[in-house]
């Protein structure tokens, strides 16, 4: 009987511990989100060179050592920031396969990226800063930026390839060749907007991007 009671107690204890574990995981997720947001603010304003893990922890309202405890290194934190910024950009552009067709999906993605220039978030601004630093060889994230570009190209090529399988895009269009041109177009426009926002016409950029996308997808 005692053994049975102990088993029941242990089982009840395990059940009681589960919510505590979930709560701890939720606390960690909130803290990591706050640290990433703090890093984005600092990088958007000052660039990444002078940003330290200790400064990020203080900016987020935590101890100086918490960012190191969670991320281990500045490079790891910046990589997570890049991931969050890309996820934000892609979510705003609704690139999850909507079924609207290749041209509509790619135009929607371009529109979302460029419309974000009007009221950029800290994550968006930090993403542009880190990308520029990587191009200049001044960032610890050169490899991470290249990987994210590769993933965006792969997504683009898949959208175009699906368009061909659906009969929307002619077979003469090369999805692999189209992808870097598409990503390069958007990156170039976003960098121009970041460099001189007052001289950048978002509406014209969106309209011309959509015209180019539709033309490129029917040129085969």
Protein backbone atom coordinates (compact mmCIF):
# COMPACT_ATOMS: atom_id res chain seq x y z
CA UNK A 1 0.00 0.00 0.00
CA UNK A 2 2.79 2.38 0.94
CA UNK A 3 4.46 1.77 -2.39
CA UNK A 4 1.22 2.51 -4.20
CA UNK A 5 0.71 5.70 -2.18
CA UNK A 6 4.25 6.81 -2.95
CA UNK A 7 3.63 6.21 -6.65
CA UNK A 8 0.48 8.27 -6.52
CA UNK A 9 2.26 11.04 -4.68
CA UNK A 10 5.07 10.98 -7.19
CA UNK A 11 2.59 11.10 -10.03
CA UNK A 12 0.73 14.01 -8.47
CA UNK A 13 4.04 15.76 -7.86
CA UNK A 14 4.95 15.28 -11.50
CA UNK A 15 1.64 16.77 -12.53
CA UNK A 16 2.17 19.72 -10.21
CA UNK A 17 5.65 20.28 -11.61
CA UNK A 18 4.51 20.43 -15.26
CA UNK A 19 2.86 23.86 -15.01
CA UNK A 20 5.93 25.14 -13.14
CA UNK A 21 8.18 23.98 -15.97
CA UNK A 22 5.91 25.64 -18.51
CA UNK A 23 5.93 28.84 -16.49
CA UNK A 24 9.71 28.79 -16.33
CA UNK A 25 9.88 28.27 -20.09
CA UNK A 26 7.47 31.15 -20.60
CA UNK A 27 9.55 33.38 -18.34
CA UNK A 28 12.67 32.50 -20.30
CA UNK A 29 10.92 33.19 -23.61
CA UNK A 30 9.75 36.59 -22.38
CA UNK A 31 13.23 37.45 -21.11
CA UNK A 32 14.86 36.40 -24.38
CA UNK A 33 12.33 38.47 -26.31
CA UNK A 34 13.08 41.49 -24.14
CA UNK A 35 16.83 41.03 -24.62
CA UNK A 36 16.45 40.77 -28.40
CA UNK A 37 14.26 43.89 -28.41
CA UNK A 38 16.86 45.76 -26.35
CA UNK A 39 19.64 44.66 -28.70
CA UNK A 40 17.58 45.84 -31.67
CA UNK A 41 17.10 49.29 -30.12
CA UNK A 42 20.79 49.67 -29.39
CA UNK A 43 21.94 48.45 -32.80
CA UNK A 44 19.39 50.57 -34.65
CA UNK A 45 20.73 53.67 -32.88
CA UNK A 46 24.44 52.94 -32.55
CA UNK A 47 25.37 50.00 -34.76
CA UNK A 48 26.56 46.68 -33.40
CA UNK A 49 30.24 47.43 -32.78
CA UNK A 50 29.85 49.05 -29.37
CA UNK A 51 27.00 46.85 -28.21
CA UNK A 52 27.96 44.36 -25.51
CA UNK A 53 25.96 41.61 -23.86
CA UNK A 54 26.21 43.45 -20.55
CA UNK A 55 24.78 46.61 -22.13
CA UNK A 56 21.95 44.63 -23.70
CA UNK A 57 21.06 43.15 -20.30
CA UNK A 58 20.96 46.59 -18.71
CA UNK A 59 18.93 48.07 -21.58
CA UNK A 60 16.37 45.28 -21.13
CA UNK A 61 16.15 45.99 -17.41
CA UNK A 62 17.90 42.80 -16.31
CA UNK A 63 21.28 42.00 -14.81
CA UNK A 64 24.41 42.59 -16.85
CA UNK A 65 25.05 38.85 -17.07
CA UNK A 66 21.63 37.59 -18.18
CA UNK A 67 22.24 38.00 -21.92
CA UNK A 68 25.47 36.01 -21.60
CA UNK A 69 23.63 33.35 -19.61
CA UNK A 70 20.91 32.97 -22.24
CA UNK A 71 22.85 33.44 -25.49
CA UNK A 72 26.45 32.62 -24.59
CA UNK A 73 28.03 35.05 -27.05
CA UNK A 74 27.32 38.28 -28.84
CA UNK A 75 27.39 36.49 -32.19
CA UNK A 76 24.68 34.09 -31.01
CA UNK A 77 22.51 36.98 -29.81
CA UNK A 78 22.93 38.82 -33.11
CA UNK A 79 22.08 35.67 -35.04
CA UNK A 80 18.85 35.32 -33.04
CA UNK A 81 18.09 38.99 -33.69
CA UNK A 82 18.55 38.43 -37.41
CA UNK A 83 16.20 35.45 -37.25
CA UNK A 84 13.58 37.53 -35.42
CA UNK A 85 13.92 40.41 -37.87
CA UNK A 86 13.57 38.13 -40.87
CA UNK A 87 10.54 36.44 -39.32
CA UNK A 88 8.98 39.87 -38.73
CA UNK A 89 9.63 40.97 -42.30
CA UNK A 90 8.28 37.75 -43.75
CA UNK A 91 5.21 37.79 -41.50
CA UNK A 92 4.40 41.36 -42.50
CA UNK A 93 4.71 40.37 -46.13
CA UNK A 94 2.59 37.23 -45.61
CA UNK A 95 4.92 34.84 -47.45
CA UNK A 96 3.40 31.71 -45.96
CA UNK A 97 2.13 29.98 -49.07
CA UNK A 98 -1.26 31.66 -49.45
CA UNK A 99 -2.28 29.87 -52.63
CA UNK A 100 -2.77 33.22 -54.36
CA UNK A 101 -0.27 32.33 -57.07
CA UNK A 102 3.41 33.03 -57.58
CA UNK A 103 3.08 36.60 -58.82
CA UNK A 104 0.69 37.62 -56.05
CA UNK A 105 2.81 35.99 -53.34
CA UNK A 106 6.02 37.63 -54.52
CA UNK A 107 4.35 41.00 -55.04
CA UNK A 108 2.89 40.73 -51.53
CA UNK A 109 6.30 39.96 -50.10
CA UNK A 110 7.87 42.92 -51.93
CA UNK A 111 5.04 45.19 -50.84
CA UNK A 112 5.40 44.16 -47.21
CA UNK A 113 9.16 44.70 -47.19
CA UNK A 114 8.92 48.13 -48.80
CA UNK A 115 5.89 49.32 -46.87
CA UNK A 116 7.87 48.56 -43.72
CA UNK A 117 10.20 51.39 -44.73
CA UNK A 118 7.46 53.92 -43.91
CA UNK A 119 7.37 53.08 -40.20
CA UNK A 120 10.29 50.77 -39.50
CA UNK A 121 10.41 48.83 -36.27
CA UNK A 122 13.57 48.61 -34.19
CA UNK A 123 14.02 45.07 -35.47
CA UNK A 124 13.68 46.23 -39.05
CA UNK A 125 16.16 49.08 -38.58
CA UNK A 126 18.63 46.79 -36.81
CA UNK A 127 18.28 44.25 -39.63
CA UNK A 128 19.29 46.88 -42.19
CA UNK A 129 22.20 48.09 -40.03
CA UNK A 130 23.54 44.56 -39.54
CA UNK A 131 23.17 43.81 -43.23
CA UNK A 132 25.16 46.92 -44.13
CA UNK A 133 27.84 46.06 -41.58
CA UNK A 134 28.08 42.55 -42.97
CA UNK A 135 28.59 43.89 -46.49
CA UNK A 136 31.36 46.12 -45.18
CA UNK A 137 32.99 43.19 -43.39
CA UNK A 138 32.40 44.90 -40.05
CA UNK A 139 29.95 42.45 -38.56
CA UNK A 140 30.26 39.13 -36.78
CA UNK A 141 27.21 38.05 -38.77
CA UNK A 142 28.54 37.98 -42.31
CA UNK A 143 27.92 34.24 -42.46
CA UNK A 144 24.48 34.53 -40.85
CA UNK A 145 23.42 37.23 -43.32
CA UNK A 146 24.53 35.01 -46.19
CA UNK A 147 22.55 32.10 -44.76
CA UNK A 148 19.40 34.18 -44.38
CA UNK A 149 19.75 35.46 -47.94
CA UNK A 150 20.10 31.86 -49.10
CA UNK A 151 16.93 30.86 -47.28
CA UNK A 152 15.00 33.75 -48.82
CA UNK A 153 16.28 32.80 -52.27
CA UNK A 154 15.23 29.20 -51.67
CA UNK A 155 11.73 30.32 -50.65
CA UNK A 156 11.51 32.54 -53.74
CA UNK A 157 12.63 29.74 -56.06
CA UNK A 158 10.06 27.40 -54.51
CA UNK A 159 7.27 29.94 -55.08
CA UNK A 160 8.28 30.34 -58.73
CA UNK A 161 8.67 26.57 -59.18
CA UNK A 162 5.21 26.01 -57.74
CA UNK A 163 3.90 28.62 -60.15
CA UNK A 164 5.34 26.60 -63.01
CA UNK A 165 3.81 23.38 -61.71
CA UNK A 166 0.46 25.17 -61.50
CA UNK A 167 0.81 26.43 -65.07
CA UNK A 168 0.96 30.09 -64.00
CA UNK A 169 4.65 30.69 -64.76
CA UNK A 170 6.01 29.68 -68.18
CA UNK A 171 8.69 26.96 -68.27
CA UNK A 172 11.24 29.37 -69.71
CA UNK A 173 11.56 31.19 -66.38
CA UNK A 174 14.44 29.80 -64.32
CA UNK A 175 13.39 29.81 -60.63
CA UNK A 176 17.00 29.57 -59.41
CA UNK A 177 18.11 32.49 -61.58
CA UNK A 178 15.05 34.58 -60.71
CA UNK A 179 15.55 34.23 -56.94
CA UNK A 180 18.80 36.23 -56.48
CA UNK A 181 17.53 38.98 -58.80
CA UNK A 182 14.35 39.26 -56.72
CA UNK A 183 16.20 39.31 -53.39
CA UNK A 184 18.76 41.77 -54.77
CA UNK A 185 16.02 44.10 -55.97
CA UNK A 186 14.40 44.24 -52.54
CA UNK A 187 17.63 44.53 -50.58
CA UNK A 188 18.85 47.31 -52.83
CA UNK A 189 15.62 49.27 -52.45
CA UNK A 190 15.52 48.84 -48.67
CA UNK A 191 19.13 50.00 -48.32
CA UNK A 192 18.39 53.06 -50.45
CA UNK A 193 15.38 53.85 -48.29
CA UNK A 194 17.43 53.50 -45.11
CA UNK A 195 20.18 55.76 -46.48
CA UNK A 196 17.84 58.59 -47.58
CA UNK A 197 14.28 58.01 -46.35
CA UNK A 198 13.16 61.55 -47.16
CA UNK A 199 14.06 61.07 -50.84
CA UNK A 200 12.65 57.56 -51.17
CA UNK A 201 9.22 57.22 -52.78
CA UNK A 202 7.80 54.02 -51.28
CA UNK A 203 4.71 54.02 -53.49
CA UNK A 204 6.77 54.29 -56.66
CA UNK A 205 9.15 51.58 -55.45
CA UNK A 206 6.26 49.22 -54.71
CA UNK A 207 4.60 49.85 -58.08
CA UNK A 208 7.82 49.36 -60.05
CA UNK A 209 8.75 46.23 -58.09
CA UNK A 210 5.37 44.68 -58.80
CA UNK A 211 5.65 45.61 -62.49
CA UNK A 212 9.11 44.01 -62.68
CA UNK A 213 7.98 40.85 -60.88
CA UNK A 214 4.99 40.31 -63.14
CA UNK A 215 7.03 41.03 -66.26
CA UNK A 216 9.87 38.70 -65.18
CA UNK A 217 7.44 35.88 -64.45
CA UNK A 218 5.85 36.08 -67.90
CA UNK A 219 9.02 36.60 -69.95
CA UNK A 220 9.66 32.90 -70.46
